[in-house]
PDB file of N, CA and C in Angstrom:
ATOM      1  N   MET A   1       2.381 -16.090   7.742  1.00  0.00           N
ATOM      2  CA  MET A   1       2.047 -14.774   7.312  1.00  0.00           C
ATOM      3  C   MET A   1       0.600 -14.489   7.716  1.00  0.00           C
ATOM      4  N   ILE A   2       0.351 -13.293   8.226  1.00  0.00           N
ATOM      5  CA  ILE A   2      -0.985 -12.861   8.616  1.00  0.00           C
ATOM      6  C   ILE A   2      -1.386 -11.694   7.719  1.00  0.00           C
ATOM      7  N   VAL A   3      -2.537 -11.811   7.077  1.00  0.00           N
ATOM      8  CA  VAL A   3      -3.052 -10.752   6.217  1.00  0.00           C
ATOM      9  C   VAL A   3      -4.289 -10.166   6.883  1.00  0.00           C
ATOM     10  N   GLU A   4      -4.269  -8.844   7.103  1.00  0.00           N
ATOM     11  CA  GLU A   4      -5.421  -8.178   7.699  1.00  0.00           C
ATOM     12  C   GLU A   4      -6.259  -7.565   6.595  1.00  0.00           C
ATOM     13  N   TRP A   5      -7.543  -7.875   6.600  1.00  0.00           N
ATOM     14  CA  TRP A   5      -8.484  -7.426   5.585  1.00  0.00           C
ATOM     15  C   TRP A   5      -9.365  -6.335   6.186  1.00  0.00           C
ATOM     16  N   ASP A   6      -9.530  -5.227   5.496  1.00  0.00           N
ATOM     17  CA  ASP A   6     -10.412  -4.149   5.940  1.00  0.00           C
ATOM     18  C   ASP A   6     -11.792  -4.382   5.336  1.00  0.00           C
ATOM     19  N   PRO A   7     -12.757  -4.850   6.122  1.00  0.00           N
ATOM     20  CA  PRO A   7     -14.074  -5.182   5.574  1.00  0.00           C
ATOM     21  C   PRO A   7     -14.854  -3.965   5.092  1.00  0.00           C
ATOM     22  N   LEU A   8     -14.592  -2.797   5.655  1.00  0.00           N
ATOM     23  CA  LEU A   8     -15.302  -1.596   5.243  1.00  0.00           C
ATOM     24  C   LEU A   8     -14.936  -1.204   3.813  1.00  0.00           C
ATOM     25  N   PHE A   9     -13.638  -1.226   3.508  1.00  0.00           N
ATOM     26  CA  PHE A   9     -13.177  -0.833   2.177  1.00  0.00           C
ATOM     27  C   PHE A   9     -12.886  -2.030   1.275  1.00  0.00           C
ATOM     28  N   GLU A  10     -12.982  -3.246   1.839  1.00  0.00           N
ATOM     29  CA  GLU A  10     -12.731  -4.488   1.105  1.00  0.00           C
ATOM     30  C   GLU A  10     -11.348  -4.493   0.445  1.00  0.00           C
ATOM     31  N   GLU A  11     -10.323  -4.203   1.258  1.00  0.00           N
ATOM     32  CA  GLU A  11      -8.948  -4.153   0.778  1.00  0.00           C
ATOM     33  C   GLU A  11      -8.005  -4.696   1.847  1.00  0.00           C
ATOM     34  N   VAL A  12      -6.835  -5.145   1.421  1.00  0.00           N
ATOM     35  CA  VAL A  12      -5.791  -5.575   2.358  1.00  0.00           C
ATOM     36  C   VAL A  12      -5.239  -4.318   3.021  1.00  0.00           C
ATOM     37  N   SER A  13      -5.180  -4.317   4.345  1.00  0.00           N
ATOM     38  CA  SER A  13      -4.645  -3.159   5.058  1.00  0.00           C
ATOM     39  C   SER A  13      -3.238  -3.407   5.589  1.00  0.00           C
ATOM     40  N   THR A  14      -2.954  -4.636   6.042  1.00  0.00           N
ATOM     41  CA  THR A  14      -1.645  -4.947   6.623  1.00  0.00           C
ATOM     42  C   THR A  14      -1.284  -6.400   6.364  1.00  0.00           C
ATOM     43  N   VAL A  15       0.022  -6.638   6.133  1.00  0.00           N
ATOM     44  CA  VAL A  15       0.551  -7.986   6.007  1.00  0.00           C
ATOM     45  C   VAL A  15       1.684  -8.119   7.013  1.00  0.00           C
ATOM     46  N   ARG A  16       1.633  -9.160   7.844  1.00  0.00           N
ATOM     47  CA  ARG A  16       2.656  -9.375   8.876  1.00  0.00           C
ATOM     48  C   ARG A  16       3.262 -10.767   8.717  1.00  0.00           C
ATOM     49  N   GLY A  17       4.558 -10.849   8.917  1.00  0.00           N
ATOM     50  CA  GLY A  17       5.238 -12.130   8.869  1.00  0.00           C
ATOM     51  C   GLY A  17       6.733 -11.971   8.875  1.00  0.00           C
ATOM     52  N   ASN A  18       7.443 -12.981   9.335  1.00  0.00           N
ATOM     53  CA  ASN A  18       8.909 -12.979   9.385  1.00  0.00           C
ATOM     54  C   ASN A  18       9.468 -11.775  10.122  1.00  0.00           C
ATOM     55  N   GLY A  19       8.771 -11.310  11.154  1.00  0.00           N
ATOM     56  CA  GLY A  19       9.261 -10.197  11.961  1.00  0.00           C
ATOM     57  C   GLY A  19       9.056  -8.829  11.343  1.00  0.00           C
ATOM     58  N   SER A  20       8.319  -8.736  10.253  1.00  0.00           N
ATOM     59  CA  SER A  20       8.083  -7.436   9.635  1.00  0.00           C
ATOM     60  C   SER A  20       6.593  -7.224   9.397  1.00  0.00           C
ATOM     61  N   SER A  21       6.238  -5.985   9.140  1.00  0.00           N
ATOM     62  CA  SER A  21       4.851  -5.625   8.895  1.00  0.00           C
ATOM     63  C   SER A  21       4.804  -4.567   7.802  1.00  0.00           C
ATOM     64  N   ARG A  22       3.893  -4.730   6.849  1.00  0.00           N
ATOM     65  CA  ARG A  22       3.723  -3.748   5.773  1.00  0.00           C
ATOM     66  C   ARG A  22       2.269  -3.305   5.747  1.00  0.00           C
ATOM     67  N   SER A  23       2.072  -2.001   5.613  1.00  0.00           N
ATOM     68  CA  SER A  23       0.726  -1.444   5.547  1.00  0.00           C
ATOM     69  C   SER A  23       0.480  -0.861   4.167  1.00  0.00           C
ATOM     70  N   PHE A  24      -0.793  -0.765   3.815  1.00  0.00           N
ATOM     71  CA  PHE A  24      -1.175  -0.282   2.491  1.00  0.00           C
ATOM     72  C   PHE A  24      -2.307   0.722   2.603  1.00  0.00           C
ATOM     73  N   ALA A  25      -2.328   1.695   1.690  1.00  0.00           N
ATOM     74  CA  ALA A  25      -3.421   2.666   1.600  1.00  0.00           C
ATOM     75  C   ALA A  25      -3.837   2.751   0.142  1.00  0.00           C
ATOM     76  N   TYR A  26      -5.120   2.993  -0.069  1.00  0.00           N
ATOM     77  CA  TYR A  26      -5.694   2.971  -1.413  1.00  0.00           C
ATOM     78  C   TYR A  26      -6.443   4.268  -1.698  1.00  0.00           C
ATOM     79  N   ASP A  27      -6.595   4.595  -2.981  1.00  0.00           N
ATOM     80  CA  ASP A  27      -7.380   5.767  -3.363  1.00  0.00           C
ATOM     81  C   ASP A  27      -8.849   5.374  -3.540  1.00  0.00           C
ATOM     82  N   ALA A  28      -9.673   6.325  -3.969  1.00  0.00           N
ATOM     83  CA  ALA A  28     -11.108   6.082  -4.102  1.00  0.00           C
ATOM     84  C   ALA A  28     -11.432   5.035  -5.167  1.00  0.00           C
ATOM     85  N   GLU A  29     -10.522   4.816  -6.112  1.00  0.00           N
ATOM     86  CA  GLU A  29     -10.720   3.817  -7.166  1.00  0.00           C
ATOM     87  C   GLU A  29     -10.260   2.428  -6.747  1.00  0.00           C
ATOM     88  N   GLY A  30      -9.687   2.327  -5.533  1.00  0.00           N
ATOM     89  CA  GLY A  30      -9.206   1.040  -5.051  1.00  0.00           C
ATOM     90  C   GLY A  30      -7.788   0.712  -5.488  1.00  0.00           C
ATOM     91  N   GLU A  31      -7.086   1.707  -6.043  1.00  0.00           N
ATOM     92  CA  GLU A  31      -5.696   1.502  -6.464  1.00  0.00           C
ATOM     93  C   GLU A  31      -4.764   1.811  -5.299  1.00  0.00           C
ATOM     94  N   ARG A  32      -3.746   0.994  -5.126  1.00  0.00           N
ATOM     95  CA  ARG A  32      -2.789   1.198  -4.040  1.00  0.00           C
ATOM     96  C   ARG A  32      -1.982   2.463  -4.304  1.00  0.00           C
ATOM     97  N   VAL A  33      -1.917   3.361  -3.318  1.00  0.00           N
ATOM     98  CA  VAL A  33      -1.153   4.594  -3.461  1.00  0.00           C
ATOM     99  C   VAL A  33       0.024   4.665  -2.489  1.00  0.00           C
ATOM    100  N   ILE A  34      -0.030   3.906  -1.396  1.00  0.00           N
ATOM    101  CA  ILE A  34       1.075   3.868  -0.429  1.00  0.00           C
ATOM    102  C   ILE A  34       1.274   2.430   0.028  1.00  0.00           C
ATOM    103  N   ALA A  35       2.520   2.011   0.085  1.00  0.00           N
ATOM    104  CA  ALA A  35       2.881   0.707   0.625  1.00  0.00           C
ATOM    105  C   ALA A  35       4.152   0.895   1.432  1.00  0.00           C
ATOM    106  N   GLY A  36       4.172   0.397   2.654  1.00  0.00           N
ATOM    107  CA  GLY A  36       5.392   0.542   3.419  1.00  0.00           C
ATOM    108  C   GLY A  36       5.327  -0.021   4.812  1.00  0.00           C
ATOM    109  N   ASP A  37       6.484   0.037   5.452  1.00  0.00           N
ATOM    110  CA  ASP A  37       6.592  -0.463   6.814  1.00  0.00           C
ATOM    111  C   ASP A  37       6.587   0.675   7.826  1.00  0.00           C
ATOM    112  N   GLY A  38       6.492   1.914   7.348  1.00  0.00           N
ATOM    113  CA  GLY A  38       6.456   3.063   8.244  1.00  0.00           C
ATOM    114  C   GLY A  38       7.817   3.548   8.703  1.00  0.00           C
ATOM    115  N   PHE A  39       8.869   2.870   8.271  1.00  0.00           N
ATOM    116  CA  PHE A  39      10.208   3.266   8.684  1.00  0.00           C
ATOM    117  C   PHE A  39      11.063   3.615   7.475  1.00  0.00           C
ATOM    118  N   ASP A  40      11.781   2.634   6.947  1.00  0.00           N
ATOM    119  CA  ASP A  40      12.740   2.928   5.881  1.00  0.00           C
ATOM    120  C   ASP A  40      12.348   2.374   4.519  1.00  0.00           C
ATOM    121  N   ASP A  41      11.179   1.801   4.398  1.00  0.00           N
ATOM    122  CA  ASP A  41      10.755   1.245   3.106  1.00  0.00           C
ATOM    123  C   ASP A  41       9.297   1.601   2.845  1.00  0.00           C
ATOM    124  N   THR A  42       9.058   2.885   2.570  1.00  0.00           N
ATOM    125  CA  THR A  42       7.715   3.344   2.253  1.00  0.00           C
ATOM    126  C   THR A  42       7.720   3.913   0.849  1.00  0.00           C
ATOM    127  N   ARG A  43       6.746   3.473   0.041  1.00  0.00           N
ATOM    128  CA  ARG A  43       6.662   3.900  -1.353  1.00  0.00           C
ATOM    129  C   ARG A  43       5.309   4.525  -1.636  1.00  0.00           C
ATOM    130  N   PHE A  44       5.338   5.563  -2.475  1.00  0.00           N
ATOM    131  CA  PHE A  44       4.134   6.253  -2.913  1.00  0.00           C
ATOM    132  C   PHE A  44       4.012   6.064  -4.421  1.00  0.00           C
ATOM    133  N   PHE A  45       2.796   5.821  -4.887  1.00  0.00           N
ATOM    134  CA  PHE A  45       2.566   5.566  -6.305  1.00  0.00           C
ATOM    135  C   PHE A  45       1.669   6.644  -6.887  1.00  0.00           C
ATOM    136  N   LEU A  46       2.112   7.269  -7.984  1.00  0.00           N
ATOM    137  CA  LEU A  46       1.318   8.251  -8.707  1.00  0.00           C
ATOM    138  C   LEU A  46       0.767   7.562  -9.943  1.00  0.00           C
ATOM    139  N   ARG A  47      -0.568   7.568 -10.082  1.00  0.00           N
ATOM    140  CA  ARG A  47      -1.213   6.849 -11.176  1.00  0.00           C
ATOM    141  C   ARG A  47      -1.896   7.813 -12.139  1.00  0.00           C
ATOM    142  N   GLY A  48      -1.976   7.391 -13.389  1.00  0.00           N
ATOM    143  CA  GLY A  48      -2.688   8.142 -14.409  1.00  0.00           C
ATOM    144  C   GLY A  48      -4.177   7.872 -14.336  1.00  0.00           C
ATOM    145  N   LEU A  49      -4.935   8.542 -15.197  1.00  0.00           N
ATOM    146  CA  LEU A  49      -6.385   8.365 -15.204  1.00  0.00           C
ATOM    147  C   LEU A  49      -6.797   6.944 -15.564  1.00  0.00           C
ATOM    148  N   ASP A  50      -5.906   6.212 -16.249  1.00  0.00           N
ATOM    149  CA  ASP A  50      -6.202   4.822 -16.611  1.00  0.00           C
ATOM    150  C   ASP A  50      -5.820   3.831 -15.515  1.00  0.00           C
ATOM    151  N   GLY A  51      -5.274   4.330 -14.388  1.00  0.00           N
ATOM    152  CA  GLY A  51      -4.909   3.470 -13.270  1.00  0.00           C
ATOM    153  C   GLY A  51      -3.502   2.912 -13.329  1.00  0.00           C
ATOM    154  N   ARG A  52      -2.794   3.176 -14.411  1.00  0.00           N
ATOM    155  CA  ARG A  52      -1.416   2.679 -14.528  1.00  0.00           C
ATOM    156  C   ARG A  52      -0.466   3.558 -13.730  1.00  0.00           C
ATOM    157  N   VAL A  53       0.578   2.935 -13.155  1.00  0.00           N
ATOM    158  CA  VAL A  53       1.564   3.675 -12.363  1.00  0.00           C
ATOM    159  C   VAL A  53       2.402   4.541 -13.301  1.00  0.00           C
ATOM    160  N   LEU A  54       2.409   5.860 -13.025  1.00  0.00           N
ATOM    161  CA  LEU A  54       3.229   6.792 -13.798  1.00  0.00           C
ATOM    162  C   LEU A  54       4.583   7.010 -13.126  1.00  0.00           C
ATOM    163  N   SER A  55       4.571   7.107 -11.793  1.00  0.00           N
ATOM    164  CA  SER A  55       5.793   7.324 -11.027  1.00  0.00           C
ATOM    165  C   SER A  55       5.696   6.608  -9.693  1.00  0.00           C
ATOM    166  N   GLU A  56       6.850   6.234  -9.189  1.00  0.00           N
ATOM    167  CA  GLU A  56       6.937   5.611  -7.865  1.00  0.00           C
ATOM    168  C   GLU A  56       7.982   6.367  -7.074  1.00  0.00           C
ATOM    169  N   PHE A  57       7.633   6.794  -5.869  1.00  0.00           N
ATOM    170  CA  PHE A  57       8.537   7.546  -5.017  1.00  0.00           C
ATOM    171  C   PHE A  57       8.814   6.754  -3.760  1.00  0.00           C
ATOM    172  N   GLU A  58      10.072   6.827  -3.304  1.00  0.00           N
ATOM    173  CA  GLU A  58      10.462   6.125  -2.086  1.00  0.00           C
ATOM    174  C   GLU A  58      10.816   7.122  -1.010  1.00  0.00           C
ATOM    175  N   LEU A  59      10.272   6.950   0.183  1.00  0.00           N
ATOM    176  CA  LEU A  59      10.565   7.795   1.321  1.00  0.00           C
ATOM    177  C   LEU A  59      11.909   7.374   1.886  1.00  0.00           C
ATOM    178  N   ILE A  60      12.868   8.297   1.898  1.00  0.00           N
ATOM    179  CA  ILE A  60      14.197   7.970   2.453  1.00  0.00           C
ATOM    180  C   ILE A  60      14.583   8.945   3.530  1.00  0.00           C
TER     181      ILE A  60
END
């Protein structure tokens, strides 16, 4: 498994392994808001002011 680290934002940007790749995007608080492979498994996370996940949406 290869983990790509974004030194500017100090966050994981991509994880690769077993023939697949997943990318991540974060908000200004450093909370993950998007996780996916860019094809059929992309998820969006809506968080409350306390940082807890309120809803999770899947791109289909």
